[in-house]
Amino acid sequence: MGQLTPDETILGLLAARARHGYELLDCFRDPGQLGEVWKLSTSQLYAVLKRLEAQGLTEGREVAVADAPPRIEYALTQAGKARLQAWLDEPYPSDSIRRVRVEFLSRLYIARLLDFPTLPIVERQKAACRKRRAELLACLQKAAPGVGRLTLELVIAQLDTVLQWLERCELTPQER
């Protein structure tokens, strides 16, 4: 499993419309958007933008701004659109609690932003969590008393909570 990065989330924001870095940063700072999901500094954001452009997923163009220096506005390339679509359609999302908290929520936010169907995203996440829970229950049956067993019980309890919470994610924002 690779490092957790905001790459696809940024691609999704750019799919909604071309933006410059500070506009993107606002999305990551606003608690009503991604501010509770990601903690991203200005330098981190610009490093990601540079990497995405180097990978051919975005392209930047200089845009004149009244009473300010020109800004670089970023837009998706075809390769960027394909990578974003693959991320939204991820068939086997991670069952890691941390990745659910960051990656799944980012995927759900971007899908809603782009009017992309969210139910399949939620269903795939639930399937991943159910599968992991079943695996852990099998391990628990064989576990000896001790910290290892307690750890298994904790992770199973976390997955139970996540599965209950995922049921709420199936609701539209208006229903919540």
Protein backbone atom coordinates (compact mmCIF):
# COMPACT_ATOMS: atom_id res chain seq x y z
CA MET A 1 0.00 0.00 0.00
CA GLY A 2 1.43 3.34 -1.02
CA GLN A 3 1.88 6.49 0.94
CA LEU A 4 -1.24 8.49 1.71
CA THR A 5 -1.12 11.60 -0.49
CA PRO A 6 -3.66 14.24 -1.51
CA ASP A 7 -2.84 13.76 -5.21
CA GLU A 8 -6.18 12.37 -6.38
CA THR A 9 -8.08 14.75 -4.11
CA ILE A 10 -6.33 17.67 -5.83
CA LEU A 11 -7.09 16.14 -9.22
CA GLY A 12 -10.75 16.00 -8.19
CA LEU A 13 -10.77 19.64 -7.14
CA LEU A 14 -9.22 20.55 -10.49
CA ALA A 15 -11.79 18.41 -12.32
CA ALA A 16 -14.48 20.66 -10.87
CA ARG A 17 -12.66 23.70 -12.29
CA ALA A 18 -9.17 25.02 -12.97
CA ARG A 19 -7.69 26.67 -9.87
CA HIS A 20 -4.53 28.29 -8.62
CA GLY A 21 -2.69 27.11 -5.53
CA TYR A 22 -4.28 29.43 -2.99
CA GLU A 23 -7.78 28.45 -4.15
CA LEU A 24 -6.83 24.81 -3.63
CA LEU A 25 -5.33 25.60 -0.25
CA ASP A 26 -8.61 27.25 0.79
CA CYS A 27 -10.40 23.93 0.11
CA PHE A 28 -7.95 22.14 2.42
CA ARG A 29 -8.36 24.73 5.17
CA ASP A 30 -12.14 25.13 5.14
CA PRO A 31 -13.69 22.75 7.71
CA GLY A 32 -16.82 22.56 5.54
CA GLN A 33 -14.71 21.13 2.75
CA LEU A 34 -11.50 19.18 3.41
CA GLY A 35 -10.17 21.06 6.44
CA GLU A 36 -11.13 18.28 8.86
CA VAL A 37 -9.72 15.59 6.56
CA TRP A 38 -6.27 16.87 5.52
CA LYS A 39 -3.68 19.03 7.24
CA LEU A 40 -1.75 20.46 4.31
CA SER A 41 0.79 23.28 4.39
CA THR A 42 1.36 25.71 1.55
CA SER A 43 4.73 24.15 0.75
CA GLN A 44 3.24 20.62 0.73
CA LEU A 45 0.48 21.71 -1.65
CA TYR A 46 2.91 23.32 -4.08
CA ALA A 47 5.18 20.24 -3.95
CA VAL A 48 2.19 18.07 -4.91
CA LEU A 49 1.20 20.47 -7.71
CA LYS A 50 4.75 20.36 -9.05
CA ARG A 51 4.77 16.54 -8.91
CA LEU A 52 1.36 16.24 -10.61
CA GLU A 53 2.52 18.54 -13.40
CA ALA A 54 5.79 16.61 -13.81
CA GLN A 55 3.75 13.39 -14.10
CA GLY A 56 1.66 14.96 -16.87
CA LEU A 57 -1.54 14.81 -14.80
CA THR A 58 -2.03 18.58 -14.66
CA GLU A 59 -0.86 21.56 -16.62
CA GLY A 60 -0.32 25.04 -15.31
CA ARG A 61 -0.77 28.24 -17.23
CA GLU A 62 -0.05 31.78 -16.17
CA VAL A 63 -3.14 33.91 -15.60
CA ALA A 64 -3.07 37.69 -15.19
CA VAL A 65 -4.64 39.03 -12.00
CA ALA A 66 -5.59 42.66 -11.42
CA ASP A 67 -3.37 44.40 -8.88
CA ALA A 68 -1.33 41.25 -8.21
CA PRO A 69 1.42 39.24 -9.83
CA PRO A 70 0.31 36.63 -12.37
CA ARG A 71 -0.76 33.28 -10.92
CA ILE A 72 -0.39 29.77 -12.20
CA GLU A 73 -3.77 28.17 -12.73
CA TYR A 74 -3.81 24.38 -12.89
CA ALA A 75 -6.11 22.20 -14.97
CA LEU A 76 -6.37 18.44 -15.55
CA THR A 77 -4.88 16.73 -18.55
CA GLN A 78 -6.45 13.63 -20.10
CA ALA A 79 -4.04 11.51 -18.07
CA GLY A 80 -5.15 13.36 -14.93
CA LYS A 81 -8.79 12.70 -15.74
CA ALA A 82 -8.04 8.99 -16.23
CA ARG A 83 -6.17 8.76 -12.91
CA LEU A 84 -9.00 10.53 -11.10
CA GLN A 85 -11.59 8.19 -12.62
CA ALA A 86 -9.55 5.13 -11.61
CA TRP A 87 -9.34 6.48 -8.05
CA LEU A 88 -13.09 7.13 -7.87
CA ASP A 89 -13.73 3.61 -9.23
CA GLU A 90 -11.17 1.92 -6.90
CA PRO A 91 -12.56 -1.63 -6.60
CA TYR A 92 -10.66 -2.56 -3.41
CA PRO A 93 -10.29 0.42 -1.09
CA SER A 94 -8.14 0.09 2.01
CA ASP A 95 -9.72 -1.18 5.21
CA SER A 96 -7.24 0.80 7.32
CA ILE A 97 -9.06 3.07 9.79
CA ARG A 98 -6.67 5.92 8.93
CA ARG A 99 -7.24 5.50 5.21
CA VAL A 100 -11.01 5.37 5.70
CA ARG A 101 -10.78 8.63 7.64
CA VAL A 102 -8.67 10.37 5.00
CA GLU A 103 -8.88 8.58 1.65
CA PHE A 104 -12.50 7.44 1.76
CA LEU A 105 -13.74 10.83 2.99
CA SER A 106 -11.72 12.55 0.26
CA ARG A 107 -13.15 10.19 -2.35
CA LEU A 108 -16.67 10.79 -1.07
CA TYR A 109 -16.17 14.58 -1.03
CA ILE A 110 -14.82 14.64 -4.59
CA ALA A 111 -17.55 12.32 -5.87
CA ARG A 112 -20.21 14.60 -4.40
CA LEU A 113 -18.45 17.69 -5.79
CA LEU A 114 -18.43 16.16 -9.28
CA ASP A 115 -21.96 14.67 -9.04
CA PHE A 116 -20.42 11.22 -9.34
CA PRO A 117 -22.48 8.32 -7.88
CA THR A 118 -21.44 7.83 -4.26
CA LEU A 119 -23.34 4.66 -3.38
CA PRO A 120 -20.85 2.36 -5.21
CA ILE A 121 -17.97 4.08 -3.38
CA VAL A 122 -19.63 3.51 -0.02
CA GLU A 123 -20.54 -0.09 -0.88
CA ARG A 124 -16.96 -0.93 -1.91
CA GLN A 125 -15.65 0.59 1.33
CA LYS A 126 -18.15 -1.40 3.38
CA ALA A 127 -17.15 -4.60 1.57
CA ALA A 128 -13.46 -3.97 2.34
CA CYS A 129 -14.20 -3.34 6.02
CA ARG A 130 -16.49 -6.38 6.30
CA LYS A 131 -13.85 -8.60 4.71
CA ARG A 132 -11.16 -7.37 7.10
CA ARG A 133 -13.50 -7.77 10.08
CA ALA A 134 -14.19 -11.39 9.11
CA GLU A 135 -10.44 -12.06 8.82
CA LEU A 136 -9.82 -10.55 12.24
CA LEU A 137 -12.66 -12.55 13.81
CA ALA A 138 -11.04 -15.74 12.50
CA CYS A 139 -7.73 -14.67 14.06
CA LEU A 140 -9.50 -13.82 17.32
CA GLN A 141 -10.83 -17.40 17.56
CA LYS A 142 -7.22 -18.66 17.74
CA ALA A 143 -5.71 -15.80 19.77
CA ALA A 144 -4.35 -16.45 23.22
CA PRO A 145 -5.19 -14.05 26.03
CA GLY A 146 -2.95 -11.01 26.13
CA VAL A 147 -2.16 -7.81 24.30
CA GLY A 148 -2.43 -9.44 20.88
CA ARG A 149 -5.98 -10.53 21.59
CA LEU A 150 -6.87 -7.12 23.01
CA THR A 151 -5.50 -5.50 19.84
CA LEU A 152 -7.66 -7.71 17.65
CA GLU A 153 -10.70 -6.85 19.76
CA LEU A 154 -9.95 -3.13 19.45
CA VAL A 155 -9.57 -3.21 15.67
CA ILE A 156 -12.76 -5.27 15.32
CA ALA A 157 -14.61 -2.72 17.48
CA GLN A 158 -13.21 0.10 15.33
CA LEU A 159 -14.38 -1.66 12.18
CA ASP A 160 -17.84 -2.17 13.72
CA THR A 161 -18.03 1.57 14.36
CA VAL A 162 -16.80 2.39 10.85
CA LEU A 163 -19.38 0.05 9.33
CA GLN A 164 -22.18 1.75 11.29
CA TRP A 165 -20.85 5.16 10.21
CA LEU A 166 -20.65 4.06 6.56
CA GLU A 167 -24.40 3.45 6.67
CA ARG A 168 -24.80 7.18 7.34
CA CYS A 169 -22.51 7.97 4.39
CA GLU A 170 -25.06 6.39 2.06
CA LEU A 171 -27.45 9.22 2.83
CA THR A 172 -27.39 12.28 0.62
CA PRO A 173 -26.03 15.45 2.22
CA GLN A 174 -29.63 16.75 2.39
CA GLU A 175 -30.74 13.65 4.35
CA ARG A 176 -27.97 14.04 6.94
